[in-house]
Amino acid sequence: MFTGIVQGTAQVISIVQKEQFQSHTLSLPEELRQGLAIGASVAHNGCCLTVTKIQHDQITFDLMQATLKLTNLGDLNAGDYVNVERAARFGDEIGGHSMSGHISLTAEVDDVINTPNNRTIWFKIEAEAMKYVLEKGYIGLDGCSLTIGEVEDNRFNVHLIPETLTRTLFGERKVGDRINVEFDPQTQAIVNTVERVLAKQS
């Protein structure tokens, strides 16, 4: 489980492509390596991956083909950065909202509006998925637990404070970028339940 509070960014230093999957290696800073062991879970842009090799500050993960297709991790090149969060431990403060690390789909950055004290980013997703996007509801974007701002048609936005822009990749995101989306599971459960009930009544 993850909390959606990104702890920092890490650089992809190498990518090795293999049959039906690939491995990539991150350079993790010391504060994110403490207690890290093979088999541990680390979120990359919100996607839960398992540690397969540790060599000093170089940490390796395997990615299946399905993960590469579904998420923006398939777009990475050596030298790129990812948002990183270590898995939550029992007793940790939940500063964001509970997240599984299972990506629902990707959104496209549709517009970026900069103001002196924050940044507003509009995202576009497939219309049928907008039922899970509610004003003032939670959403996971590239591993960040964020509150949804305005919603219109197949677009929604979030408002980002300077701390989020400094700690994550959202300070660098631009129009056309693909962003990993994890919908709030409670919202999904409620929407799906209501749909099933209404379908039985019709």
Protein backbone atom coordinates (compact mmCIF):
# COMPACT_ATOMS: atom_id res chain seq x y z
CA MET A 1 0.00 0.00 0.00
CA PHE A 2 1.07 3.58 -0.67
CA THR A 3 -0.06 6.92 0.68
CA GLY A 4 0.33 9.06 -2.44
CA ILE A 5 2.91 11.28 -0.75
CA VAL A 6 5.81 11.17 -3.22
CA GLN A 7 9.12 11.12 -1.36
CA GLY A 8 11.21 12.43 -4.24
CA THR A 9 12.38 11.65 -7.75
CA ALA A 10 14.98 9.16 -8.96
CA GLN A 11 16.85 8.89 -12.24
CA VAL A 12 16.62 5.88 -14.53
CA ILE A 13 20.26 5.06 -15.24
CA SER A 14 19.80 2.01 -17.46
CA ILE A 15 17.10 0.02 -19.28
CA VAL A 16 17.62 -3.57 -20.43
CA GLN A 17 15.00 -4.94 -22.82
CA LYS A 18 14.27 -8.65 -22.66
CA GLU A 19 11.65 -10.97 -24.16
CA GLN A 20 8.16 -9.79 -23.09
CA PHE A 21 9.55 -7.53 -20.36
CA GLN A 22 12.37 -5.21 -19.46
CA SER A 23 14.43 -4.27 -16.45
CA HIS A 24 15.27 -0.76 -15.44
CA THR A 25 17.67 0.48 -12.81
CA LEU A 26 17.21 3.58 -10.69
CA SER A 27 19.79 5.54 -8.75
CA LEU A 28 18.10 5.93 -5.36
CA PRO A 29 19.33 8.49 -2.81
CA GLU A 30 20.45 7.14 0.55
CA GLU A 31 17.34 8.26 2.44
CA LEU A 32 15.16 6.16 0.13
CA ARG A 33 17.39 3.07 0.38
CA GLN A 34 17.27 2.62 4.15
CA GLY A 35 16.02 -0.87 4.97
CA LEU A 36 15.37 -1.64 1.30
CA ALA A 37 15.57 -5.34 0.45
CA ILE A 38 15.01 -7.56 -2.58
CA GLY A 39 11.27 -8.18 -2.88
CA ALA A 40 10.31 -4.79 -1.46
CA SER A 41 7.74 -2.62 -3.25
CA VAL A 42 8.56 0.83 -4.60
CA ALA A 43 6.13 2.99 -6.58
CA HIS A 44 7.44 4.50 -9.84
CA ASN A 45 5.10 7.23 -11.07
CA GLY A 46 2.50 5.51 -8.91
CA CYS A 47 3.07 2.03 -10.35
CA CYS A 48 4.04 -0.62 -7.78
CA LEU A 49 7.23 -2.47 -8.78
CA THR A 50 9.31 -5.07 -6.95
CA VAL A 51 13.02 -4.74 -6.19
CA THR A 52 14.95 -7.51 -7.98
CA LYS A 53 18.57 -6.39 -7.46
CA ILE A 54 20.45 -4.00 -5.17
CA GLN A 55 23.97 -2.83 -5.96
CA HIS A 56 24.99 0.13 -3.82
CA ASP A 57 22.68 2.99 -4.89
CA GLN A 58 21.57 1.19 -8.05
CA ILE A 59 18.23 -0.57 -7.60
CA THR A 60 16.78 -2.77 -10.35
CA PHE A 61 13.14 -3.62 -11.11
CA ASP A 62 11.46 -5.85 -13.71
CA LEU A 63 8.49 -4.61 -15.74
CA MET A 64 6.11 -6.93 -17.57
CA GLN A 65 4.86 -6.07 -21.05
CA ALA A 66 1.37 -5.31 -19.71
CA THR A 67 2.83 -2.71 -17.34
CA LEU A 68 4.84 -1.10 -20.13
CA LYS A 69 1.72 -0.78 -22.32
CA LEU A 70 -0.68 0.41 -19.62
CA THR A 71 1.55 2.98 -17.93
CA ASN A 72 3.94 5.75 -18.89
CA LEU A 73 6.87 3.62 -17.70
CA GLY A 74 7.06 2.24 -21.22
CA ASP A 75 7.91 5.74 -22.44
CA LEU A 76 11.01 6.08 -20.25
CA ASN A 77 14.55 6.40 -21.51
CA ALA A 78 17.79 6.24 -19.57
CA GLY A 79 18.32 9.65 -17.99
CA ASP A 80 14.63 10.26 -17.31
CA TYR A 81 13.28 10.67 -13.78
CA VAL A 82 10.33 9.06 -12.00
CA ASN A 83 8.34 9.97 -8.89
CA VAL A 84 9.23 7.54 -6.11
CA GLU A 85 7.45 6.36 -2.96
CA ARG A 86 8.45 3.48 -0.71
CA ALA A 87 5.64 1.21 0.43
CA ALA A 88 3.86 2.36 3.58
CA ARG A 89 4.54 0.53 6.84
CA PHE A 90 2.05 -0.20 9.61
CA GLY A 91 1.74 2.89 11.77
CA ASP A 92 2.91 5.35 9.10
CA GLU A 93 0.98 8.59 8.79
CA ILE A 94 -1.40 8.54 5.80
CA GLY A 95 -0.88 12.08 4.51
CA GLY A 96 -2.63 11.50 1.18
CA HIS A 97 -5.08 8.65 0.59
CA SER A 98 -4.68 4.89 0.42
CA MET A 99 -3.32 3.81 -2.96
CA SER A 100 -2.58 0.33 -4.30
CA GLY A 101 0.01 1.15 -6.94
CA HIS A 102 -2.20 -0.43 -9.64
CA ILE A 103 -2.61 1.99 -12.53
CA SER A 104 -6.07 2.34 -14.09
CA LEU A 105 -5.08 4.16 -17.29
CA THR A 106 -3.04 7.11 -18.50
CA ALA A 107 -4.20 10.69 -18.92
CA GLU A 108 -2.85 13.28 -21.33
CA VAL A 109 -1.81 16.71 -20.11
CA ASP A 110 -4.21 19.01 -21.96
CA ASP A 111 -3.29 22.43 -20.58
CA VAL A 112 -0.87 23.97 -18.06
CA ILE A 113 -1.70 27.27 -16.35
CA ASN A 114 1.01 28.90 -14.25
CA THR A 115 0.27 31.55 -11.62
CA PRO A 116 2.64 33.16 -9.07
CA ASN A 117 1.81 30.72 -6.26
CA ASN A 118 0.68 27.52 -7.92
CA ARG A 119 0.21 25.62 -11.15
CA THR A 120 -3.04 24.26 -12.55
CA ILE A 121 -2.84 21.27 -14.88
CA TRP A 122 -5.75 20.01 -16.99
CA PHE A 123 -5.85 16.32 -17.89
CA LYS A 124 -7.84 14.53 -20.57
CA ILE A 125 -8.96 10.90 -20.29
CA GLU A 126 -11.37 8.61 -22.11
CA ALA A 127 -14.97 9.74 -21.60
CA GLU A 128 -16.24 6.47 -20.11
CA ALA A 129 -13.73 6.74 -17.24
CA MET A 130 -14.90 10.21 -16.20
CA LYS A 131 -17.57 8.65 -13.96
CA TYR A 132 -14.78 8.04 -11.41
CA VAL A 133 -13.65 11.68 -11.50
CA LEU A 134 -15.60 13.82 -9.01
CA GLU A 135 -15.01 17.41 -8.01
CA LYS A 136 -13.13 17.57 -4.68
CA GLY A 137 -12.56 13.81 -4.81
CA TYR A 138 -9.21 12.05 -4.58
CA ILE A 139 -7.15 10.82 -7.51
CA GLY A 140 -3.66 9.39 -7.91
CA LEU A 141 -1.58 11.04 -10.65
CA ASP A 142 1.95 9.71 -11.24
CA GLY A 143 1.84 8.47 -7.66
CA CYS A 144 0.70 11.77 -6.12
CA SER A 145 -2.46 11.86 -4.03
CA LEU A 146 -4.25 14.95 -5.31
CA THR A 147 -7.64 16.61 -4.94
CA ILE A 148 -9.63 17.07 -8.14
CA GLY A 149 -10.52 20.68 -8.96
CA GLU A 150 -12.88 21.39 -11.85
CA VAL A 151 -14.45 18.70 -14.04
CA GLU A 152 -15.81 19.27 -17.55
CA ASP A 153 -16.63 16.82 -20.35
CA ASN A 154 -13.65 14.42 -20.48
CA ARG A 155 -11.27 16.80 -18.68
CA PHE A 156 -10.41 17.63 -15.10
CA ASN A 157 -7.77 19.70 -13.35
CA VAL A 158 -5.71 19.79 -10.18
CA HIS A 159 -4.09 22.75 -8.44
CA LEU A 160 -0.48 22.20 -7.38
CA ILE A 161 1.34 24.06 -4.62
CA PRO A 162 5.09 24.90 -4.82
CA GLU A 163 6.03 22.00 -2.49
CA THR A 164 4.43 19.47 -4.85
CA LEU A 165 6.09 21.10 -7.86
CA THR A 166 9.49 20.91 -6.15
CA ARG A 167 9.20 17.35 -4.84
CA THR A 168 7.66 15.73 -7.94
CA LEU A 169 7.84 15.82 -11.73
CA PHE A 170 4.76 18.03 -12.02
CA GLY A 171 6.92 21.14 -12.14
CA GLU A 172 8.25 19.91 -15.49
CA ARG A 173 5.17 18.32 -17.06
CA LYS A 174 3.98 19.83 -20.33
CA VAL A 175 1.07 19.52 -22.75
CA GLY A 176 1.00 16.10 -24.41
CA ASP A 177 2.75 14.22 -21.57
CA ARG A 178 1.20 10.93 -20.46
CA ILE A 179 0.40 10.63 -16.75
CA ASN A 180 -0.41 7.46 -14.80
CA VAL A 181 -3.85 7.53 -13.18
CA GLU A 182 -5.07 5.47 -10.24
CA PHE A 183 -8.70 6.14 -9.41
CA ASP A 184 -9.75 6.26 -5.77
CA PRO A 185 -10.93 2.69 -5.01
CA GLN A 186 -13.74 3.89 -2.75
CA THR A 187 -15.10 6.11 -5.50
CA GLN A 188 -14.89 3.22 -7.98
CA ALA A 189 -16.70 0.87 -5.59
CA ILE A 190 -19.54 3.35 -4.99
CA VAL A 191 -19.98 4.20 -8.68
CA ASN A 192 -19.91 0.54 -9.74
CA THR A 193 -22.38 -0.46 -7.02
CA VAL A 194 -24.83 2.29 -7.98
CA GLU A 195 -24.58 1.28 -11.64
CA ARG A 196 -25.34 -2.38 -10.80
CA VAL A 197 -28.34 -1.42 -8.63
CA LEU A 198 -29.76 0.88 -11.29
CA ALA A 199 -29.24 -1.75 -13.98
CA LYS A 200 -31.28 -4.28 -11.97
CA GLN A 201 -34.09 -1.79 -11.50
CA SER A 202 -34.36 -0.91 -15.17
